[in-house]
């Protein structure tokens, strides 16, 4: 896991500016990987919510069917 510290710079970066560029590149890659994982998590959560809503609707229909069996049809 890469820890991104936006306010820190490599030591003596002005002597070797490519090291700062490498640090920025590493931070950008870590941020890209993090955002990809978060996109996957959001997609998964959306599917879970849809499945949950369908299951709730199915259970409500089942409860209504059982109530009709026990108490008779509603008038």
N, C-alpha and C. Protein backbone atom coordinates (compact mmCIF):
# COMPACT_ATOMS: atom_id res chain seq x y z
N UNK A 1 0.84 -1.18 0.00
CA UNK A 1 0.00 0.00 0.00
C UNK A 1 0.89 1.24 0.00
N UNK A 2 0.54 2.19 -0.82
CA UNK A 2 1.30 3.42 -0.91
C UNK A 2 0.59 4.50 -0.11
N UNK A 3 1.32 5.18 0.73
CA UNK A 3 0.77 6.28 1.51
C UNK A 3 1.06 7.57 0.75
N UNK A 4 0.00 8.31 0.46
CA UNK A 4 0.15 9.56 -0.29
C UNK A 4 0.18 10.72 0.70
N UNK A 5 1.25 11.46 0.67
CA UNK A 5 1.37 12.65 1.52
C UNK A 5 1.54 13.85 0.59
N UNK A 6 0.47 14.58 0.33
CA UNK A 6 0.55 15.66 -0.65
C UNK A 6 1.43 16.83 -0.23
N UNK A 7 1.72 16.95 1.06
CA UNK A 7 2.51 18.09 1.50
C UNK A 7 3.98 17.75 1.72
N UNK A 8 4.37 16.51 1.42
CA UNK A 8 5.77 16.14 1.63
C UNK A 8 6.48 16.00 0.29
N UNK A 9 7.72 16.38 0.27
CA UNK A 9 8.53 16.27 -0.93
C UNK A 9 9.79 15.49 -0.57
N UNK A 10 10.38 14.80 -1.55
CA UNK A 10 11.59 14.06 -1.24
C UNK A 10 12.69 15.02 -0.75
N UNK A 11 13.58 14.48 0.07
CA UNK A 11 14.67 15.32 0.58
C UNK A 11 15.58 15.73 -0.56
N UNK A 12 16.01 16.94 -0.51
CA UNK A 12 16.92 17.51 -1.51
C UNK A 12 16.38 17.34 -2.93
N UNK A 13 15.09 17.53 -3.11
CA UNK A 13 14.48 17.31 -4.41
C UNK A 13 14.99 18.28 -5.46
N UNK A 14 15.42 19.45 -5.05
CA UNK A 14 15.92 20.43 -6.02
C UNK A 14 17.25 20.00 -6.63
N UNK A 15 17.97 19.09 -5.94
CA UNK A 15 19.21 18.59 -6.51
C UNK A 15 18.95 17.49 -7.55
N UNK A 16 17.91 16.73 -7.32
CA UNK A 16 17.56 15.64 -8.24
C UNK A 16 16.06 15.75 -8.53
N UNK A 17 15.67 16.63 -9.46
CA UNK A 17 14.24 16.87 -9.68
C UNK A 17 13.48 15.64 -10.18
N UNK A 18 14.17 14.69 -10.83
CA UNK A 18 13.47 13.50 -11.30
C UNK A 18 12.93 12.66 -10.14
N UNK A 19 13.56 12.78 -8.96
CA UNK A 19 13.05 12.03 -7.82
C UNK A 19 11.68 12.55 -7.39
N UNK A 20 11.50 13.87 -7.52
CA UNK A 20 10.18 14.44 -7.21
C UNK A 20 9.16 13.98 -8.25
N UNK A 21 9.59 13.93 -9.51
CA UNK A 21 8.69 13.45 -10.56
C UNK A 21 8.32 11.98 -10.30
N UNK A 22 9.28 11.18 -9.85
CA UNK A 22 9.00 9.78 -9.54
C UNK A 22 8.01 9.68 -8.38
N UNK A 23 8.16 10.54 -7.39
CA UNK A 23 7.23 10.55 -6.26
C UNK A 23 5.82 10.91 -6.72
N UNK A 24 5.72 11.91 -7.58
CA UNK A 24 4.41 12.30 -8.10
C UNK A 24 3.80 11.17 -8.94
N UNK A 25 4.62 10.49 -9.71
CA UNK A 25 4.14 9.37 -10.52
C UNK A 25 3.63 8.24 -9.62
N UNK A 26 4.36 7.94 -8.57
CA UNK A 26 3.93 6.90 -7.63
C UNK A 26 2.61 7.29 -6.97
N UNK A 27 2.48 8.55 -6.58
CA UNK A 27 1.25 9.02 -5.95
C UNK A 27 0.09 8.94 -6.93
N UNK A 28 0.32 9.31 -8.18
CA UNK A 28 -0.75 9.25 -9.18
C UNK A 28 -1.19 7.81 -9.42
N UNK A 29 -0.25 6.89 -9.50
CA UNK A 29 -0.60 5.48 -9.69
C UNK A 29 -1.38 4.94 -8.50
N UNK A 30 -0.98 5.32 -7.29
CA UNK A 30 -1.69 4.86 -6.09
C UNK A 30 -3.11 5.42 -6.07
N UNK A 31 -3.26 6.68 -6.45
CA UNK A 31 -4.58 7.29 -6.48
C UNK A 31 -5.46 6.64 -7.54
N UNK A 32 -4.90 6.30 -8.68
CA UNK A 32 -5.65 5.62 -9.73
C UNK A 32 -6.12 4.25 -9.25
N UNK A 33 -5.25 3.51 -8.60
CA UNK A 33 -5.62 2.19 -8.09
C UNK A 33 -6.72 2.30 -7.04
N UNK A 34 -6.62 3.31 -6.17
CA UNK A 34 -7.63 3.51 -5.14
C UNK A 34 -8.98 3.85 -5.77
N UNK A 35 -8.98 4.72 -6.76
CA UNK A 35 -10.25 5.09 -7.39
C UNK A 35 -10.86 3.91 -8.14
N UNK A 36 -10.02 3.05 -8.74
CA UNK A 36 -10.55 1.85 -9.40
C UNK A 36 -11.23 0.94 -8.39
N UNK A 37 -10.61 0.74 -7.24
CA UNK A 37 -11.22 -0.11 -6.21
C UNK A 37 -12.52 0.50 -5.69
N UNK A 38 -12.55 1.82 -5.56
CA UNK A 38 -13.77 2.45 -5.07
C UNK A 38 -14.89 2.36 -6.10
N UNK A 39 -14.54 2.46 -7.41
CA UNK A 39 -15.55 2.28 -8.44
C UNK A 39 -16.15 0.89 -8.38
N UNK A 40 -15.30 -0.12 -8.20
CA UNK A 40 -15.78 -1.49 -8.09
C UNK A 40 -16.66 -1.66 -6.87
N UNK A 41 -16.29 -1.03 -5.77
CA UNK A 41 -17.09 -1.12 -4.55
C UNK A 41 -18.46 -0.46 -4.74
N UNK A 42 -18.49 0.68 -5.42
CA UNK A 42 -19.77 1.36 -5.66
C UNK A 42 -20.67 0.53 -6.57
N UNK A 43 -20.09 -0.10 -7.58
CA UNK A 43 -20.86 -0.96 -8.48
C UNK A 43 -21.44 -2.14 -7.71
N UNK A 44 -20.62 -2.73 -6.85
CA UNK A 44 -21.08 -3.86 -6.05
C UNK A 44 -22.20 -3.44 -5.10
N UNK A 45 -22.06 -2.27 -4.49
CA UNK A 45 -23.10 -1.79 -3.58
C UNK A 45 -24.40 -1.53 -4.33
N UNK A 46 -24.32 -1.02 -5.55
CA UNK A 46 -25.53 -0.79 -6.34
C UNK A 46 -26.24 -2.11 -6.64
N UNK A 47 -25.48 -3.15 -6.98
CA UNK A 47 -26.08 -4.45 -7.24
C UNK A 47 -26.71 -5.02 -5.96
N UNK A 48 -26.06 -4.84 -4.84
CA UNK A 48 -26.60 -5.33 -3.57
C UNK A 48 -27.91 -4.63 -3.24
N UNK A 49 -27.98 -3.32 -3.48
CA UNK A 49 -29.20 -2.57 -3.19
C UNK A 49 -30.35 -3.04 -4.08
N UNK A 50 -30.06 -3.28 -5.36
CA UNK A 50 -31.10 -3.77 -6.27
C UNK A 50 -31.58 -5.15 -5.83
N UNK A 51 -30.65 -6.04 -5.51
CA UNK A 51 -31.03 -7.38 -5.05
C UNK A 51 -31.84 -7.31 -3.77
N UNK A 52 -31.45 -6.43 -2.87
CA UNK A 52 -32.16 -6.28 -1.60
C UNK A 52 -33.58 -5.77 -1.85
N UNK A 53 -33.73 -4.81 -2.74
CA UNK A 53 -35.06 -4.28 -3.04
C UNK A 53 -35.96 -5.35 -3.65
N UNK A 54 -35.41 -6.17 -4.54
CA UNK A 54 -36.19 -7.26 -5.12
C UNK A 54 -36.59 -8.27 -4.06
N UNK A 55 -35.68 -8.59 -3.17
CA UNK A 55 -35.98 -9.56 -2.12
C UNK A 55 -37.04 -9.02 -1.17
N UNK A 56 -36.98 -7.74 -0.84
CA UNK A 56 -38.01 -7.13 0.02
C UNK A 56 -39.37 -7.19 -0.65
N UNK A 57 -39.43 -6.89 -1.95
CA UNK A 57 -40.69 -6.96 -2.68
C UNK A 57 -41.23 -8.39 -2.71
N UNK A 58 -40.34 -9.36 -2.93
CA UNK A 58 -40.78 -10.77 -2.92
C UNK A 58 -41.32 -11.18 -1.56
N UNK A 59 -40.65 -10.78 -0.50
CA UNK A 59 -41.10 -11.14 0.85
C UNK A 59 -42.43 -10.47 1.18
N UNK A 60 -42.63 -9.23 0.74
CA UNK A 60 -43.92 -8.55 0.99
C UNK A 60 -45.05 -9.28 0.26
N UNK A 61 -44.80 -9.70 -1.00
CA UNK A 61 -45.81 -10.45 -1.74
C UNK A 61 -46.12 -11.78 -1.03
N UNK A 62 -45.09 -12.40 -0.53
CA UNK A 62 -45.27 -13.68 0.17
C UNK A 62 -46.09 -13.49 1.45
N UNK A 63 -45.82 -12.42 2.19
CA UNK A 63 -46.59 -12.13 3.41
C UNK A 63 -48.05 -11.88 3.05
N UNK A 64 -48.29 -11.13 1.97
CA UNK A 64 -49.67 -10.88 1.55
C UNK A 64 -50.37 -12.17 1.15
N UNK A 65 -49.66 -13.05 0.44
CA UNK A 65 -50.24 -14.34 0.05
C UNK A 65 -50.58 -15.18 1.28
N UNK A 66 -49.68 -15.21 2.25
CA UNK A 66 -49.93 -15.98 3.47
C UNK A 66 -51.09 -15.38 4.27
N UNK A 67 -51.19 -14.04 4.28
CA UNK A 67 -52.32 -13.40 4.98
C UNK A 67 -53.64 -13.76 4.30
N UNK A 68 -53.64 -13.85 2.97
CA UNK A 68 -54.86 -14.23 2.27
C UNK A 68 -55.23 -15.68 2.57
N UNK A 69 -54.23 -16.53 2.70
CA UNK A 69 -54.50 -17.94 3.01
C UNK A 69 -55.08 -18.06 4.42
N UNK A 70 -54.51 -17.32 5.37
CA UNK A 70 -54.93 -17.41 6.76
C UNK A 70 -56.26 -16.69 7.01
N UNK A 71 -56.37 -15.46 6.52
CA UNK A 71 -57.54 -14.62 6.85
C UNK A 71 -58.54 -14.52 5.71
N UNK A 72 -58.28 -15.07 4.59
CA UNK A 72 -59.19 -14.98 3.45
C UNK A 72 -58.85 -13.74 2.65
N UNK A 73 -59.39 -13.63 1.44
CA UNK A 73 -59.09 -12.48 0.56
C UNK A 73 -59.66 -11.19 1.14
N UNK A 74 -58.98 -10.11 0.83
CA UNK A 74 -59.44 -8.78 1.29
C UNK A 74 -60.60 -8.32 0.41
N UNK A 75 -61.50 -7.59 1.04
CA UNK A 75 -62.67 -7.09 0.30
C UNK A 75 -62.49 -5.65 -0.03
